[in-house]
Structures are given as structure tokens and as C-alpha cells.
Amino acid sequence: MLKLEKKHVKFISIAIALMFIGSVVAIALTQTGSGIASAAASANVGKVNYQQIGSQHPDIQKVRGQIEAAYNEIRKDFEDKAAGMSDQEKSDYFQQCQQRFAQKQLELMEPITKSIDAAIKKVADSKGLSVVIDDTVVIYGGTDITQNVISQLNKK
């Protein structure tokens, strides 16, 4: 009879442990679910097509002209100086010219990039968006503010 009671005690202990673990898991799931729902409600996400905004920036044509002029200047410089160089020297100088051109492009595009970022921030703030990401990384959802940003840039 003593063995029978030990079996019952063991069975009851296991049942209590399983109920305890089950209730802890249930509490964790309900807390996590409400946390996700409240995070989704408070984190408004916007998205923009940065490439479209850049292509429609009011100053982009002027900057493209400056970039083309810089390219032509660097190309002419390369052609003039490379005439008497060996193949290795030409290759090295060509790489230097490419680096100079890339740096010049960054310098010329910096004001455009800064103004786009400022316009995105202004539109996002006015719409109460806490995060704005490029739409190339969005699979689903988000408020598209691309046209609002373009309008904001054209106001200036």
C-alpha cells in the first residue's frame, strides 16, 4: 500500500508542476501579445522612395551638370597626364582619378542628401511617424510619404 501512495504522490507532483509551467507560459504569452500590440500602435512607421525623391529634387539638374563638368575635367586631366606613362602608372593614376571623382560626387551630392533628410524629418514629424525607412526594404505596410517629401522640397 505504501508503494501505491508513492505513485500517487509522484503523479500529483508531476501534475502540479505541469500546471505551474503551463500557467507561466500562458502568462508570458498574454504579456508578450499585448506588448507587441502596444508597440505596433505606438510605433508609426513611414516609408519613402529615396531614389524617386532624389531624382525629383529641385536642384538635381544643377548638381548633375556640376558632376558632369567634374567628370570631364578629371577625364581631360587623365588623358593629358597619361600620355607619357607606362601601363602600370596609367592604371595607378586612373584609380586616383576615380577616387577624386567619387569624392567630388559625394561633395556635390551632400547638400541634396541633407535637404532630403531634413524634408523627410519634417514630414515624419508632422505625421507623427517615429521611424521612416526606404521602401526598398519594406515588404508590407508603412505609410508612404514620398509625395509629401517631394512637395516639401519643392516649397523651398
N, C-alpha and C. Protein backbone atom coordinates (compact mmCIF):
# COMPACT_ATOMS: atom_id res chain seq x y z
N MET A 1 0.81 -1.19 0.00
CA MET A 1 0.00 0.00 0.00
C MET A 1 0.86 1.26 0.00
N LEU A 2 2.02 1.13 0.61
CA LEU A 2 2.93 2.25 0.67
C LEU A 2 3.43 2.61 -0.73
N LYS A 3 3.72 1.64 -1.58
CA LYS A 3 4.16 1.89 -2.95
C LYS A 3 3.06 2.58 -3.75
N LEU A 4 1.85 2.23 -3.54
CA LEU A 4 0.74 2.84 -4.23
C LEU A 4 0.64 4.31 -3.89
N GLU A 5 0.85 4.66 -2.63
CA GLU A 5 0.78 6.06 -2.23
C GLU A 5 1.94 6.86 -2.84
N LYS A 6 3.11 6.28 -2.95
CA LYS A 6 4.24 6.98 -3.56
C LYS A 6 3.96 7.26 -5.03
N LYS A 7 3.31 6.32 -5.72
CA LYS A 7 2.95 6.53 -7.12
C LYS A 7 1.99 7.70 -7.24
N HIS A 8 1.02 7.75 -6.34
CA HIS A 8 0.05 8.84 -6.38
C HIS A 8 0.72 10.18 -6.09
N VAL A 9 1.60 10.19 -5.13
CA VAL A 9 2.30 11.43 -4.77
C VAL A 9 3.15 11.89 -5.96
N LYS A 10 3.82 10.97 -6.58
CA LYS A 10 4.64 11.29 -7.74
C LYS A 10 3.77 11.83 -8.87
N PHE A 11 2.66 11.19 -9.13
CA PHE A 11 1.74 11.61 -10.18
C PHE A 11 1.18 13.01 -9.88
N ILE A 12 0.78 13.24 -8.67
CA ILE A 12 0.23 14.54 -8.26
C ILE A 12 1.30 15.62 -8.37
N SER A 13 2.54 15.30 -7.98
CA SER A 13 3.64 16.28 -8.07
C SER A 13 3.90 16.66 -9.52
N ILE A 14 3.90 15.68 -10.41
CA ILE A 14 4.12 15.96 -11.83
C ILE A 14 2.98 16.79 -12.39
N ALA A 15 1.75 16.47 -12.00
CA ALA A 15 0.59 17.22 -12.48
C ALA A 15 0.66 18.67 -12.01
N ILE A 16 1.03 18.89 -10.76
CA ILE A 16 1.15 20.26 -10.23
C ILE A 16 2.26 21.01 -10.96
N ALA A 17 3.39 20.36 -11.20
CA ALA A 17 4.50 21.01 -11.91
C ALA A 17 4.09 21.39 -13.33
N LEU A 18 3.38 20.51 -14.01
CA LEU A 18 2.92 20.81 -15.37
C LEU A 18 1.92 21.97 -15.38
N MET A 19 1.02 22.01 -14.40
CA MET A 19 0.07 23.12 -14.32
C MET A 19 0.81 24.43 -14.06
N PHE A 20 1.82 24.39 -13.21
CA PHE A 20 2.60 25.59 -12.91
C PHE A 20 3.31 26.09 -14.17
N ILE A 21 3.99 25.18 -14.87
CA ILE A 21 4.69 25.55 -16.09
C ILE A 21 3.70 26.07 -17.13
N GLY A 22 2.57 25.42 -17.27
CA GLY A 22 1.55 25.86 -18.22
C GLY A 22 1.03 27.25 -17.91
N SER A 23 0.82 27.54 -16.63
CA SER A 23 0.32 28.88 -16.27
C SER A 23 1.39 29.94 -16.50
N VAL A 24 2.65 29.63 -16.24
CA VAL A 24 3.73 30.58 -16.51
C VAL A 24 3.82 30.87 -18.01
N VAL A 25 3.71 29.84 -18.83
CA VAL A 25 3.75 30.02 -20.27
C VAL A 25 2.55 30.85 -20.74
N ALA A 26 1.38 30.58 -20.20
CA ALA A 26 0.18 31.34 -20.58
C ALA A 26 0.32 32.80 -20.21
N ILE A 27 0.83 33.08 -19.03
CA ILE A 27 1.04 34.48 -18.61
C ILE A 27 2.05 35.16 -19.53
N ALA A 28 3.13 34.45 -19.85
CA ALA A 28 4.15 35.02 -20.73
C ALA A 28 3.58 35.33 -22.11
N LEU A 29 2.77 34.44 -22.63
CA LEU A 29 2.17 34.67 -23.95
C LEU A 29 1.21 35.84 -23.95
N THR A 30 0.42 35.98 -22.92
CA THR A 30 -0.52 37.11 -22.89
C THR A 30 0.22 38.42 -22.71
N GLN A 31 1.29 38.43 -21.95
CA GLN A 31 2.06 39.66 -21.77
C GLN A 31 2.79 40.04 -23.06
N THR A 32 3.35 39.07 -23.73
CA THR A 32 4.06 39.33 -24.97
C THR A 32 3.09 39.82 -26.04
N GLY A 33 1.95 39.23 -26.14
CA GLY A 33 0.96 39.64 -27.14
C GLY A 33 0.53 41.07 -26.96
N SER A 34 0.24 41.47 -25.73
CA SER A 34 -0.18 42.85 -25.50
C SER A 34 0.97 43.81 -25.71
N GLY A 35 2.20 43.36 -25.43
CA GLY A 35 3.37 44.21 -25.67
C GLY A 35 3.57 44.48 -27.15
N ILE A 36 3.38 43.45 -27.94
CA ILE A 36 3.51 43.61 -29.39
C ILE A 36 2.43 44.53 -29.92
N ALA A 37 1.22 44.34 -29.44
CA ALA A 37 0.11 45.19 -29.92
C ALA A 37 0.34 46.64 -29.54
N SER A 38 0.79 46.89 -28.32
CA SER A 38 1.00 48.28 -27.92
C SER A 38 2.20 48.88 -28.64
N ALA A 39 3.24 48.07 -28.92
CA ALA A 39 4.39 48.58 -29.66
C ALA A 39 3.98 48.93 -31.08
N ALA A 40 3.15 48.09 -31.69
CA ALA A 40 2.71 48.37 -33.05
C ALA A 40 1.85 49.62 -33.09
N ALA A 41 1.05 49.83 -32.07
CA ALA A 41 0.19 51.00 -32.05
C ALA A 41 1.00 52.28 -31.83
N SER A 42 2.08 52.20 -31.05
CA SER A 42 2.82 53.42 -30.74
C SER A 42 3.95 53.70 -31.74
N ALA A 43 4.38 52.72 -32.50
CA ALA A 43 5.49 52.90 -33.44
C ALA A 43 4.93 53.05 -34.85
N ASN A 44 4.64 54.27 -35.24
CA ASN A 44 4.15 54.53 -36.59
C ASN A 44 5.34 54.56 -37.54
N VAL A 45 5.28 53.76 -38.58
CA VAL A 45 6.39 53.61 -39.50
C VAL A 45 6.02 54.23 -40.84
N GLY A 46 6.92 55.05 -41.34
CA GLY A 46 6.76 55.64 -42.67
C GLY A 46 7.77 55.03 -43.61
N LYS A 47 7.48 55.16 -44.90
CA LYS A 47 8.42 54.69 -45.91
C LYS A 47 8.51 55.72 -47.02
N VAL A 48 9.68 55.77 -47.65
CA VAL A 48 9.90 56.70 -48.76
C VAL A 48 10.65 55.99 -49.87
N ASN A 49 10.44 56.47 -51.08
CA ASN A 49 11.23 56.02 -52.22
C ASN A 49 12.33 57.06 -52.39
N TYR A 50 13.47 56.81 -51.75
CA TYR A 50 14.56 57.78 -51.70
C TYR A 50 15.08 58.09 -53.10
N GLN A 51 15.12 57.09 -53.96
CA GLN A 51 15.60 57.28 -55.33
C GLN A 51 14.67 58.23 -56.10
N GLN A 52 13.38 58.05 -55.94
CA GLN A 52 12.42 58.92 -56.62
C GLN A 52 12.53 60.35 -56.10
N ILE A 53 12.67 60.49 -54.80
CA ILE A 53 12.81 61.82 -54.22
C ILE A 53 14.06 62.50 -54.76
N GLY A 54 15.17 61.75 -54.80
CA GLY A 54 16.42 62.32 -55.32
C GLY A 54 16.31 62.74 -56.76
N SER A 55 15.63 61.94 -57.57
CA SER A 55 15.51 62.26 -59.00
C SER A 55 14.59 63.45 -59.25
N GLN A 56 13.71 63.76 -58.27
CA GLN A 56 12.79 64.89 -58.45
C GLN A 56 13.18 66.10 -57.59
N HIS A 57 14.35 66.05 -57.00
CA HIS A 57 14.81 67.18 -56.18
C HIS A 57 14.95 68.40 -57.08
N PRO A 58 14.54 69.58 -56.60
CA PRO A 58 14.59 70.77 -57.46
C PRO A 58 16.00 71.17 -57.91
N ASP A 59 17.03 70.78 -57.18
CA ASP A 59 18.40 71.17 -57.54
C ASP A 59 19.19 70.06 -58.23
N ILE A 60 18.56 68.95 -58.53
CA ILE A 60 19.31 67.80 -59.05
C ILE A 60 19.91 68.07 -60.43
N GLN A 61 19.23 68.80 -61.28
CA GLN A 61 19.77 69.08 -62.62
C GLN A 61 21.04 69.91 -62.54
N LYS A 62 21.03 70.90 -61.66
CA LYS A 62 22.21 71.74 -61.47
C LYS A 62 23.38 70.90 -60.98
N VAL A 63 23.13 70.03 -60.02
CA VAL A 63 24.18 69.18 -59.46
C VAL A 63 24.66 68.17 -60.50
N ARG A 64 23.74 67.62 -61.28
CA ARG A 64 24.16 66.70 -62.35
C ARG A 64 25.10 67.39 -63.33
N GLY A 65 24.81 68.64 -63.65
CA GLY A 65 25.69 69.42 -64.53
C GLY A 65 27.06 69.61 -63.91
N GLN A 66 27.10 69.88 -62.62
CA GLN A 66 28.38 70.05 -61.92
C GLN A 66 29.16 68.73 -61.87
N ILE A 67 28.44 67.63 -61.69
CA ILE A 67 29.10 66.32 -61.67
C ILE A 67 29.67 66.00 -63.05
N GLU A 68 28.90 66.30 -64.09
CA GLU A 68 29.38 66.06 -65.45
C GLU A 68 30.60 66.92 -65.75
N ALA A 69 30.59 68.16 -65.32
CA ALA A 69 31.74 69.04 -65.52
C ALA A 69 32.97 68.51 -64.78
N ALA A 70 32.77 68.03 -63.56
CA ALA A 70 33.87 67.46 -62.79
C ALA A 70 34.43 66.22 -63.48
N TYR A 71 33.54 65.40 -64.01
CA TYR A 71 33.97 64.19 -64.73
C TYR A 71 34.81 64.57 -65.94
N ASN A 72 34.33 65.53 -66.73
CA ASN A 72 35.06 65.94 -67.92
C ASN A 72 36.42 66.53 -67.56
N GLU A 73 36.48 67.28 -66.49
CA GLU A 73 37.75 67.88 -66.05
C GLU A 73 38.74 66.78 -65.63
N ILE A 74 38.27 65.82 -64.85
CA ILE A 74 39.15 64.74 -64.39
C ILE A 74 39.57 63.85 -65.56
N ARG A 75 38.64 63.60 -66.48
CA ARG A 75 38.96 62.79 -67.66
C ARG A 75 40.02 63.47 -68.51
N LYS A 76 39.87 64.78 -68.73
CA LYS A 76 40.84 65.53 -69.53
C LYS A 76 42.20 65.52 -68.85
N ASP A 77 42.19 65.70 -67.52
CA ASP A 77 43.43 65.65 -66.75
C ASP A 77 44.11 64.30 -66.93
N PHE A 78 43.34 63.23 -66.86
CA PHE A 78 43.90 61.88 -67.03
C PHE A 78 44.49 61.72 -68.41
N GLU A 79 43.74 62.12 -69.43
CA GLU A 79 44.22 61.96 -70.81
C GLU A 79 45.50 62.74 -71.05
N ASP A 80 45.58 63.97 -70.50
CA ASP A 80 46.77 64.79 -70.68
C ASP A 80 47.99 64.18 -69.99
N LYS A 81 47.81 63.72 -68.77
CA LYS A 81 48.95 63.23 -67.99
C LYS A 81 49.31 61.78 -68.30
N ALA A 82 48.36 60.99 -68.78
CA ALA A 82 48.62 59.57 -69.02
C ALA A 82 49.35 59.30 -70.33
N ALA A 83 49.47 60.29 -71.16
CA ALA A 83 50.07 60.09 -72.49
C ALA A 83 51.49 59.52 -72.40
N GLY A 84 52.29 59.98 -71.48
CA GLY A 84 53.68 59.52 -71.40
C GLY A 84 53.92 58.50 -70.29
N MET A 85 52.85 57.90 -69.77
CA MET A 85 53.02 56.96 -68.65
C MET A 85 53.06 55.51 -69.11
N SER A 86 53.68 54.69 -68.29
CA SER A 86 53.65 53.25 -68.55
C SER A 86 52.25 52.71 -68.19
N ASP A 87 51.99 51.47 -68.55
CA ASP A 87 50.67 50.88 -68.27
C ASP A 87 50.38 50.84 -66.78
N GLN A 88 51.37 50.50 -65.99
CA GLN A 88 51.18 50.44 -64.53
C GLN A 88 50.91 51.84 -63.97
N GLU A 89 51.65 52.83 -64.44
CA GLU A 89 51.44 54.20 -63.98
C GLU A 89 50.05 54.69 -64.39
N LYS A 90 49.64 54.35 -65.61
CA LYS A 90 48.30 54.72 -66.08
C LYS A 90 47.24 54.09 -65.18
N SER A 91 47.42 52.83 -64.87
CA SER A 91 46.46 52.13 -64.02
C SER A 91 46.37 52.79 -62.63
N ASP A 92 47.51 53.08 -62.06
CA ASP A 92 47.55 53.72 -60.74
C ASP A 92 46.91 55.11 -60.79
N TYR A 93 47.25 55.87 -61.82
CA TYR A 93 46.71 57.23 -61.93
C TYR A 93 45.20 57.19 -62.21
N PHE A 94 44.77 56.21 -62.98
CA PHE A 94 43.35 56.04 -63.26
C PHE A 94 42.58 55.80 -61.96
N GLN A 95 43.12 54.95 -61.09
CA GLN A 95 42.48 54.70 -59.80
C GLN A 95 42.42 55.98 -58.96
N GLN A 96 43.48 56.76 -58.99
CA GLN A 96 43.47 58.03 -58.26
C GLN A 96 42.40 58.96 -58.81
N CYS A 97 42.27 58.99 -60.13
CA CYS A 97 41.25 59.84 -60.76
C CYS A 97 39.85 59.37 -60.38
N GLN A 98 39.64 58.06 -60.35
CA GLN A 98 38.34 57.53 -59.94
C GLN A 98 38.02 57.94 -58.50
N GLN A 99 39.01 57.86 -57.63
CA GLN A 99 38.79 58.25 -56.24
C GLN A 99 38.48 59.74 -56.12
N ARG A 100 39.19 60.56 -56.88
CA ARG A 100 38.92 62.00 -56.87
C ARG A 100 37.50 62.28 -57.36
N PHE A 101 37.09 61.57 -58.41
CA PHE A 101 35.74 61.78 -58.94
C PHE A 101 34.68 61.34 -57.94
N ALA A 102 34.88 60.19 -57.31
CA ALA A 102 33.92 59.72 -56.31
C ALA A 102 33.80 60.71 -55.16
N GLN A 103 34.92 61.26 -54.72
CA GLN A 103 34.91 62.25 -53.64
C GLN A 103 34.17 63.51 -54.08
N LYS A 104 34.41 63.94 -55.30
CA LYS A 104 33.75 65.14 -55.82
C LYS A 104 32.24 64.92 -55.91
N GLN A 105 31.82 63.72 -56.35
CA GLN A 105 30.40 63.40 -56.41
C GLN A 105 29.77 63.50 -55.01
N LEU A 106 30.44 62.93 -54.03
CA LEU A 106 29.92 63.00 -52.65
C LEU A 106 29.78 64.44 -52.18
N GLU A 107 30.78 65.25 -52.47
CA GLU A 107 30.74 66.66 -52.07
C GLU A 107 29.57 67.39 -52.73
N LEU A 108 29.37 67.14 -54.02
CA LEU A 108 28.31 67.82 -54.75
C LEU A 108 26.92 67.33 -54.35
N MET A 109 26.80 66.06 -53.98
CA MET A 109 25.50 65.49 -53.60
C MET A 109 25.14 65.74 -52.14
N GLU A 110 26.11 66.12 -51.33
CA GLU A 110 25.85 66.30 -49.90
C GLU A 110 24.71 67.29 -49.59
N PRO A 111 24.67 68.45 -50.22
CA PRO A 111 23.54 69.36 -49.93
C PRO A 111 22.18 68.77 -50.32
N ILE A 112 22.14 68.02 -51.41
CA ILE A 112 20.90 67.36 -51.84
C ILE A 112 20.47 66.35 -50.77
N THR A 113 21.40 65.51 -50.37
CA THR A 113 21.12 64.48 -49.37
C THR A 113 20.64 65.10 -48.06
N LYS A 114 21.32 66.15 -47.64
CA LYS A 114 20.93 66.80 -46.38
C LYS A 114 19.54 67.42 -46.48
N SER A 115 19.22 68.02 -47.60
CA SER A 115 17.90 68.64 -47.73
C SER A 115 16.80 67.57 -47.81
N ILE A 116 17.10 66.44 -48.44
CA ILE A 116 16.12 65.34 -48.48
C ILE A 116 15.89 64.81 -47.08
N ASP A 117 16.96 64.58 -46.34
CA ASP A 117 16.83 64.07 -44.97
C ASP A 117 16.05 65.04 -44.09
N ALA A 118 16.30 66.34 -44.25
CA ALA A 118 15.57 67.34 -43.46
C ALA A 118 14.08 67.34 -43.83
N ALA A 119 13.78 67.22 -45.12
CA ALA A 119 12.38 67.19 -45.55
C ALA A 119 11.67 65.94 -45.04
N ILE A 120 12.37 64.82 -45.07
CA ILE A 120 11.79 63.57 -44.53
C ILE A 120 11.48 63.74 -43.06
N LYS A 121 12.42 64.32 -42.32
CA LYS A 121 12.20 64.53 -40.88
C LYS A 121 11.01 65.45 -40.63
N LYS A 122 10.92 66.52 -41.40
CA LYS A 122 9.82 67.47 -41.22
C LYS A 122 8.47 66.81 -41.49
N VAL A 123 8.37 66.07 -42.58
CA VAL A 123 7.11 65.39 -42.93
C VAL A 123 6.79 64.32 -41.88
N ALA A 124 7.80 63.55 -41.49
CA ALA A 124 7.59 62.49 -40.49
C ALA A 124 7.09 63.08 -39.17
N ASP A 125 7.70 64.18 -38.74
CA ASP A 125 7.27 64.83 -37.50
C ASP A 125 5.83 65.33 -37.61
N SER A 126 5.49 65.90 -38.75
CA SER A 126 4.13 66.43 -38.91
C SER A 126 3.09 65.32 -38.96
N LYS A 127 3.48 64.13 -39.38
CA LYS A 127 2.55 63.00 -39.45
C LYS A 127 2.64 62.08 -38.23
N GLY A 128 3.52 62.43 -37.29
CA GLY A 128 3.64 61.62 -36.08
C GLY A 128 4.31 60.27 -36.30
N LEU A 129 5.19 60.20 -37.28
CA LEU A 129 5.88 58.95 -37.57
C LEU A 129 7.16 58.88 -36.74
N SER A 130 7.39 57.74 -36.11
CA SER A 130 8.58 57.61 -35.28
C SER A 130 9.75 56.99 -36.05
N VAL A 131 9.47 56.32 -37.16
CA VAL A 131 10.50 55.69 -37.98
C VAL A 131 10.13 55.87 -39.44
N VAL A 132 11.14 56.20 -40.27
CA VAL A 132 10.95 56.25 -41.73
C VAL A 132 12.08 55.46 -42.36
N ILE A 133 11.72 54.52 -43.24
CA ILE A 133 12.71 53.69 -43.90
C ILE A 133 12.49 53.72 -45.40
N ASP A 134 13.53 53.35 -46.13
CA ASP A 134 13.44 53.31 -47.59
C ASP A 134 12.52 52.16 -48.00
N ASP A 135 11.68 52.40 -48.98
CA ASP A 135 10.69 51.39 -49.35
C ASP A 135 11.29 50.16 -50.02
N THR A 136 12.57 50.20 -50.37
CA THR A 136 13.19 49.01 -50.94
C THR A 136 13.36 47.90 -49.91
N VAL A 137 13.29 48.23 -48.62
CA VAL A 137 13.43 47.22 -47.58
C VAL A 137 12.10 46.87 -46.93
N VAL A 138 11.01 47.47 -47.40
CA VAL A 138 9.70 47.20 -46.83
C VAL A 138 9.00 46.12 -47.64
N ILE A 139 8.54 45.11 -46.94
CA ILE A 139 7.78 44.05 -47.61
C ILE A 139 6.30 44.36 -47.54
N TYR A 140 5.86 44.85 -46.40
CA TYR A 140 4.44 45.11 -46.21
C TYR A 140 4.27 46.23 -45.21
N GLY A 141 3.31 47.10 -45.47
CA GLY A 141 2.92 48.13 -44.51
C GLY A 141 3.74 49.39 -44.59
N GLY A 142 3.49 50.25 -43.63
CA GLY A 142 4.16 51.54 -43.59
C GLY A 142 3.37 52.58 -44.34
N THR A 143 3.45 53.81 -43.88
CA THR A 143 2.79 54.93 -44.53
C THR A 143 3.75 55.55 -45.54
N ASP A 144 3.37 55.57 -46.80
CA ASP A 144 4.24 56.12 -47.85
C ASP A 144 4.13 57.65 -47.82
N ILE A 145 5.27 58.31 -47.57
CA ILE A 145 5.29 59.77 -47.51
C ILE A 145 6.14 60.38 -48.62
N THR A 146 6.42 59.59 -49.66
CA THR A 146 7.29 60.04 -50.74
C THR A 146 6.79 61.34 -51.37
N GLN A 147 5.52 61.39 -51.75
CA GLN A 147 4.99 62.59 -52.42
C GLN A 147 4.97 63.79 -51.47
N ASN A 148 4.72 63.54 -50.19
CA ASN A 148 4.75 64.64 -49.21
C ASN A 148 6.15 65.24 -49.12
N VAL A 149 7.17 64.38 -49.15
CA VAL A 149 8.55 64.85 -49.07
C VAL A 149 8.91 65.64 -50.32
N ILE A 150 8.49 65.15 -51.49
CA ILE A 150 8.76 65.87 -52.74
C ILE A 150 8.09 67.25 -52.71
N SER A 151 6.85 67.29 -52.22
CA SER A 151 6.16 68.58 -52.10
C SER A 151 6.90 69.51 -51.14
N GLN A 152 7.39 68.97 -50.05
CA GLN A 152 8.13 69.76 -49.06
C GLN A 152 9.40 70.34 -49.69
N LEU A 153 10.10 69.54 -50.48
CA LEU A 153 11.31 70.02 -51.13
C LEU A 153 11.02 71.11 -52.16
N ASN A 154 9.89 71.01 -52.84
CA ASN A 154 9.54 71.99 -53.87
C ASN A 154 9.05 73.31 -53.27
N LYS A 155 8.71 73.32 -51.98
CA LYS A 155 8.30 74.56 -51.32
C LYS A 155 9.47 75.52 -51.14
N LYS A 156 10.66 74.96 -51.05
CA LYS A 156 11.84 75.79 -50.73
C LYS A 156 12.29 76.59 -51.89
